[in-house]
N, C-alpha and C. Protein backbone atom coordinates (compact mmCIF):
# COMPACT_ATOMS: atom_id res chain seq x y z
N ASN A 1 0.84 -1.18 0.00
CA ASN A 1 0.00 0.00 0.00
C ASN A 1 0.88 1.24 0.00
N ASN A 2 0.68 2.12 -0.95
CA ASN A 2 1.48 3.34 -1.08
C ASN A 2 0.67 4.59 -0.80
N PHE A 3 -0.37 4.48 0.05
CA PHE A 3 -1.22 5.63 0.34
C PHE A 3 -0.41 6.73 1.01
N GLU A 4 -0.62 7.96 0.55
CA GLU A 4 -0.03 9.14 1.17
C GLU A 4 -1.08 10.23 1.23
N PHE A 5 -1.07 10.99 2.33
CA PHE A 5 -1.95 12.15 2.43
C PHE A 5 -1.45 13.25 1.51
N LEU A 6 -2.33 14.13 1.12
CA LEU A 6 -1.99 15.28 0.29
C LEU A 6 -1.11 16.26 1.05
N TYR A 7 -1.16 16.20 2.37
CA TYR A 7 -0.48 17.15 3.26
C TYR A 7 0.14 16.38 4.41
N SER A 8 1.05 17.03 5.10
CA SER A 8 1.64 16.45 6.30
C SER A 8 0.64 16.55 7.44
N LEU A 9 0.51 15.50 8.22
CA LEU A 9 -0.40 15.55 9.38
C LEU A 9 0.09 16.52 10.45
N ASP A 10 1.32 16.98 10.33
CA ASP A 10 1.86 17.96 11.27
C ASP A 10 1.41 19.39 10.96
N LEU A 11 0.81 19.61 9.79
CA LEU A 11 0.31 20.95 9.47
C LEU A 11 -0.85 21.30 10.39
N SER A 12 -1.15 22.59 10.50
CA SER A 12 -2.30 23.03 11.28
C SER A 12 -3.59 22.64 10.56
N ILE A 13 -4.69 22.68 11.28
CA ILE A 13 -6.00 22.40 10.68
C ILE A 13 -6.25 23.35 9.52
N GLU A 14 -5.96 24.63 9.74
CA GLU A 14 -6.17 25.64 8.69
C GLU A 14 -5.34 25.31 7.45
N GLU A 15 -4.09 24.92 7.64
CA GLU A 15 -3.22 24.62 6.50
C GLU A 15 -3.70 23.38 5.75
N LYS A 16 -4.21 22.39 6.46
CA LYS A 16 -4.74 21.19 5.80
C LYS A 16 -5.96 21.55 4.95
N MET A 17 -6.89 22.35 5.51
CA MET A 17 -8.08 22.75 4.76
C MET A 17 -7.69 23.58 3.54
N GLU A 18 -6.75 24.49 3.71
CA GLU A 18 -6.28 25.35 2.61
C GLU A 18 -5.66 24.50 1.50
N THR A 19 -4.87 23.51 1.86
CA THR A 19 -4.24 22.63 0.88
C THR A 19 -5.29 21.88 0.07
N ILE A 20 -6.28 21.32 0.75
CA ILE A 20 -7.35 20.60 0.05
C ILE A 20 -8.11 21.53 -0.88
N ALA A 21 -8.47 22.72 -0.37
CA ALA A 21 -9.23 23.69 -1.17
C ALA A 21 -8.49 24.07 -2.45
N LYS A 22 -7.20 24.32 -2.33
CA LYS A 22 -6.41 24.76 -3.49
C LYS A 22 -6.06 23.60 -4.43
N GLU A 23 -5.59 22.50 -3.86
CA GLU A 23 -5.07 21.40 -4.68
C GLU A 23 -6.16 20.51 -5.29
N ILE A 24 -7.25 20.31 -4.59
CA ILE A 24 -8.31 19.42 -5.06
C ILE A 24 -9.42 20.19 -5.78
N TYR A 25 -9.88 21.29 -5.16
CA TYR A 25 -11.04 22.02 -5.72
C TYR A 25 -10.65 23.19 -6.60
N GLY A 26 -9.38 23.61 -6.59
CA GLY A 26 -8.95 24.74 -7.43
C GLY A 26 -9.34 26.09 -6.87
N ALA A 27 -9.65 26.16 -5.58
CA ALA A 27 -10.04 27.41 -4.95
C ALA A 27 -8.83 28.33 -4.75
N ASP A 28 -9.10 29.61 -4.57
CA ASP A 28 -8.05 30.56 -4.24
C ASP A 28 -7.65 30.45 -2.77
N GLY A 29 -8.55 29.92 -1.96
CA GLY A 29 -8.28 29.78 -0.53
C GLY A 29 -9.55 29.44 0.22
N ILE A 30 -9.53 29.67 1.53
CA ILE A 30 -10.67 29.38 2.39
C ILE A 30 -11.04 30.62 3.21
N GLU A 31 -12.29 30.68 3.64
CA GLU A 31 -12.77 31.71 4.57
C GLU A 31 -13.32 30.97 5.77
N ILE A 32 -12.74 31.21 6.94
CA ILE A 32 -13.13 30.47 8.14
C ILE A 32 -14.03 31.33 9.01
N ASP A 33 -15.28 30.87 9.24
CA ASP A 33 -16.22 31.57 10.11
C ASP A 33 -15.73 31.54 11.56
N GLU A 34 -16.22 32.46 12.35
CA GLU A 34 -15.80 32.58 13.75
C GLU A 34 -16.06 31.29 14.54
N GLU A 35 -17.20 30.66 14.33
CA GLU A 35 -17.50 29.41 15.04
C GLU A 35 -16.45 28.34 14.73
N ALA A 36 -16.06 28.24 13.47
CA ALA A 36 -15.05 27.26 13.07
C ALA A 36 -13.69 27.61 13.68
N LYS A 37 -13.37 28.89 13.78
CA LYS A 37 -12.11 29.31 14.41
C LYS A 37 -12.08 28.88 15.87
N GLN A 38 -13.20 29.03 16.56
CA GLN A 38 -13.27 28.60 17.96
C GLN A 38 -13.13 27.09 18.07
N GLN A 39 -13.73 26.37 17.15
CA GLN A 39 -13.61 24.90 17.16
C GLN A 39 -12.17 24.48 16.90
N ILE A 40 -11.48 25.16 16.00
CA ILE A 40 -10.07 24.86 15.72
C ILE A 40 -9.25 25.02 16.99
N GLU A 41 -9.52 26.08 17.73
CA GLU A 41 -8.79 26.33 18.98
C GLU A 41 -8.99 25.19 19.97
N VAL A 42 -10.24 24.76 20.13
CA VAL A 42 -10.55 23.66 21.07
C VAL A 42 -9.91 22.36 20.60
N TYR A 43 -10.04 22.04 19.32
CA TYR A 43 -9.51 20.80 18.79
C TYR A 43 -7.98 20.77 18.91
N THR A 44 -7.35 21.90 18.69
CA THR A 44 -5.90 21.98 18.81
C THR A 44 -5.47 21.75 20.26
N LYS A 45 -6.20 22.32 21.21
CA LYS A 45 -5.89 22.11 22.63
C LYS A 45 -5.97 20.63 23.01
N HIS A 46 -6.89 19.90 22.38
CA HIS A 46 -7.05 18.47 22.66
C HIS A 46 -6.06 17.60 21.88
N GLY A 47 -5.27 18.21 21.00
CA GLY A 47 -4.32 17.45 20.20
C GLY A 47 -4.92 16.84 18.95
N TRP A 48 -6.14 17.22 18.63
CA TRP A 48 -6.81 16.66 17.47
C TRP A 48 -6.40 17.33 16.17
N ASP A 49 -5.56 18.35 16.26
CA ASP A 49 -5.10 19.04 15.06
C ASP A 49 -4.19 18.15 14.21
N LYS A 50 -3.74 17.04 14.75
CA LYS A 50 -2.89 16.11 14.00
C LYS A 50 -3.70 15.07 13.23
N LEU A 51 -5.04 15.12 13.36
CA LEU A 51 -5.91 14.20 12.63
C LEU A 51 -6.03 14.65 11.17
N PRO A 52 -6.29 13.73 10.25
CA PRO A 52 -6.53 14.12 8.86
C PRO A 52 -7.88 14.84 8.73
N VAL A 53 -8.04 15.53 7.61
CA VAL A 53 -9.23 16.34 7.34
C VAL A 53 -9.95 15.78 6.12
N CYS A 54 -11.27 15.68 6.21
CA CYS A 54 -12.12 15.26 5.09
C CYS A 54 -13.20 16.33 4.94
N MET A 55 -13.17 17.07 3.84
CA MET A 55 -14.09 18.19 3.64
C MET A 55 -15.49 17.69 3.30
N ALA A 56 -16.50 18.27 3.96
CA ALA A 56 -17.91 17.97 3.66
C ALA A 56 -18.48 19.14 2.87
N LYS A 57 -18.76 18.90 1.59
CA LYS A 57 -19.31 19.94 0.73
C LYS A 57 -20.20 19.30 -0.32
N THR A 58 -20.89 20.13 -1.08
CA THR A 58 -21.77 19.59 -2.11
C THR A 58 -20.97 18.77 -3.12
N HIS A 59 -21.57 17.70 -3.58
CA HIS A 59 -20.95 16.86 -4.61
C HIS A 59 -21.28 17.38 -6.01
N LEU A 60 -22.11 18.41 -6.09
CA LEU A 60 -22.60 18.90 -7.38
C LEU A 60 -21.67 19.91 -8.05
N SER A 61 -20.63 20.37 -7.34
CA SER A 61 -19.74 21.38 -7.89
C SER A 61 -18.40 21.32 -7.17
N LEU A 62 -17.35 21.79 -7.83
CA LEU A 62 -16.06 21.91 -7.16
C LEU A 62 -16.08 23.08 -6.17
N THR A 63 -17.00 24.03 -6.37
CA THR A 63 -17.20 25.13 -5.43
C THR A 63 -18.21 24.66 -4.39
N THR A 64 -18.68 25.56 -3.55
CA THR A 64 -19.76 25.21 -2.62
C THR A 64 -21.12 25.61 -3.18
N ASP A 65 -21.14 26.10 -4.41
CA ASP A 65 -22.38 26.49 -5.08
C ASP A 65 -22.78 25.38 -6.05
N PRO A 66 -23.85 24.63 -5.73
CA PRO A 66 -24.23 23.50 -6.59
C PRO A 66 -24.63 23.91 -8.01
N ASN A 67 -24.88 25.19 -8.25
CA ASN A 67 -25.26 25.65 -9.58
C ASN A 67 -24.08 25.92 -10.50
N LYS A 68 -22.87 25.97 -9.93
CA LYS A 68 -21.67 26.23 -10.74
C LYS A 68 -21.06 24.89 -11.15
N LYS A 69 -21.13 24.62 -12.42
CA LYS A 69 -20.65 23.34 -12.96
C LYS A 69 -19.28 23.50 -13.60
N GLY A 70 -18.56 22.42 -13.68
CA GLY A 70 -17.25 22.43 -14.33
C GLY A 70 -16.19 23.09 -13.47
N VAL A 71 -15.03 23.26 -14.07
CA VAL A 71 -13.90 23.87 -13.35
C VAL A 71 -14.13 25.36 -13.23
N GLN A 72 -14.02 25.88 -12.03
CA GLN A 72 -14.21 27.30 -11.75
C GLN A 72 -12.89 27.91 -11.30
N SER A 73 -12.84 29.23 -11.26
CA SER A 73 -11.68 29.94 -10.71
C SER A 73 -12.18 31.17 -9.98
N GLY A 74 -11.32 31.74 -9.16
CA GLY A 74 -11.67 32.98 -8.47
C GLY A 74 -12.68 32.79 -7.36
N PHE A 75 -12.65 31.66 -6.66
CA PHE A 75 -13.59 31.44 -5.56
C PHE A 75 -12.85 30.97 -4.32
N THR A 76 -13.50 31.16 -3.19
CA THR A 76 -12.98 30.65 -1.93
C THR A 76 -13.99 29.66 -1.36
N ILE A 77 -13.52 28.79 -0.51
CA ILE A 77 -14.38 27.80 0.15
C ILE A 77 -14.68 28.31 1.56
N PRO A 78 -15.95 28.57 1.86
CA PRO A 78 -16.30 29.00 3.22
C PRO A 78 -16.37 27.81 4.17
N ILE A 79 -15.72 27.93 5.31
CA ILE A 79 -15.73 26.89 6.33
C ILE A 79 -16.64 27.40 7.45
N LYS A 80 -17.83 26.80 7.57
CA LYS A 80 -18.83 27.25 8.54
C LYS A 80 -18.58 26.68 9.94
N LYS A 81 -18.33 25.39 10.00
CA LYS A 81 -18.10 24.66 11.25
C LYS A 81 -17.10 23.55 10.96
N ILE A 82 -16.55 22.99 12.02
CA ILE A 82 -15.70 21.82 11.88
C ILE A 82 -16.15 20.81 12.92
N ARG A 83 -16.42 19.62 12.48
CA ARG A 83 -16.83 18.56 13.39
C ARG A 83 -15.70 17.56 13.54
N ALA A 84 -15.65 16.94 14.71
CA ALA A 84 -14.60 15.97 14.99
C ALA A 84 -15.21 14.57 15.10
N SER A 85 -14.67 13.65 14.35
CA SER A 85 -14.99 12.23 14.49
C SER A 85 -13.74 11.58 15.04
N VAL A 86 -13.52 11.82 16.32
CA VAL A 86 -12.27 11.40 16.95
C VAL A 86 -12.15 9.88 16.96
N GLY A 87 -13.24 9.17 17.22
CA GLY A 87 -13.19 7.71 17.21
C GLY A 87 -12.83 7.15 15.85
N ALA A 88 -13.33 7.79 14.80
CA ALA A 88 -13.02 7.38 13.43
C ALA A 88 -11.67 7.92 12.99
N GLY A 89 -11.19 8.98 13.69
CA GLY A 89 -9.86 9.49 13.41
C GLY A 89 -9.75 10.56 12.36
N PHE A 90 -10.75 11.45 12.26
CA PHE A 90 -10.63 12.56 11.31
C PHE A 90 -11.50 13.74 11.73
N LEU A 91 -11.21 14.89 11.15
CA LEU A 91 -12.01 16.10 11.31
C LEU A 91 -12.71 16.35 9.98
N TYR A 92 -13.95 16.90 10.06
CA TYR A 92 -14.61 17.24 8.80
C TYR A 92 -15.23 18.62 8.84
N PRO A 93 -14.60 19.56 8.12
CA PRO A 93 -15.14 20.91 7.99
C PRO A 93 -16.42 20.88 7.16
N LEU A 94 -17.40 21.69 7.56
CA LEU A 94 -18.63 21.84 6.79
C LEU A 94 -18.45 23.07 5.90
N CYS A 95 -18.42 22.84 4.60
CA CYS A 95 -18.13 23.89 3.63
C CYS A 95 -19.41 24.38 2.98
N GLY A 96 -19.68 25.66 3.15
CA GLY A 96 -20.89 26.23 2.59
C GLY A 96 -22.11 25.75 3.35
N ASP A 97 -23.25 25.75 2.67
CA ASP A 97 -24.51 25.34 3.29
C ASP A 97 -24.72 23.85 3.06
N ILE A 98 -24.12 23.05 3.91
CA ILE A 98 -24.20 21.60 3.79
C ILE A 98 -24.97 21.05 4.99
N ILE A 99 -25.77 20.05 4.75
CA ILE A 99 -26.55 19.42 5.81
C ILE A 99 -25.98 18.03 6.05
N THR A 100 -25.77 17.71 7.31
CA THR A 100 -25.34 16.36 7.65
C THR A 100 -26.45 15.71 8.47
N ILE A 101 -26.51 14.41 8.41
CA ILE A 101 -27.57 13.67 9.09
C ILE A 101 -26.93 12.73 10.10
N PHE A 102 -27.43 12.77 11.32
CA PHE A 102 -26.98 11.84 12.35
C PHE A 102 -27.92 10.65 12.33
N PHE A 103 -27.36 9.46 12.32
CA PHE A 103 -28.16 8.26 12.30
C PHE A 103 -27.85 7.42 13.53
N SER A 104 -28.87 7.05 14.23
CA SER A 104 -28.73 6.17 15.38
C SER A 104 -29.72 5.01 15.22
N SER A 105 -29.20 3.81 15.15
CA SER A 105 -30.10 2.68 14.97
C SER A 105 -30.81 2.33 16.28
N ARG A 106 -32.03 1.91 16.15
CA ARG A 106 -32.82 1.46 17.30
C ARG A 106 -33.28 0.05 17.04
N ARG A 107 -33.34 -0.70 18.11
CA ARG A 107 -33.83 -2.08 17.94
C ARG A 107 -35.14 -2.25 18.64
């Protein structure tokens, strides 16, 4: 197995998100909302800043706007919140207006 991350796990959370935004989506950069900045601070204090990052955004576009198709330029990726899946071993920023669903099975 020759799997390698796009970035070093030693980078900051912000640097990991910026790398993904630029290298994968072709964005000029990221815009981090205040709530996400506070979450980064907490996660860093807990040592979770060394976890890999998996961006949660619309699958309909490389931007966060589902109406923009194809390769775009001149855009930034807004980071609204960042959630931690510590047990699974990753952080996932919520980019733009994305909805996530929590599922809990009942018997």
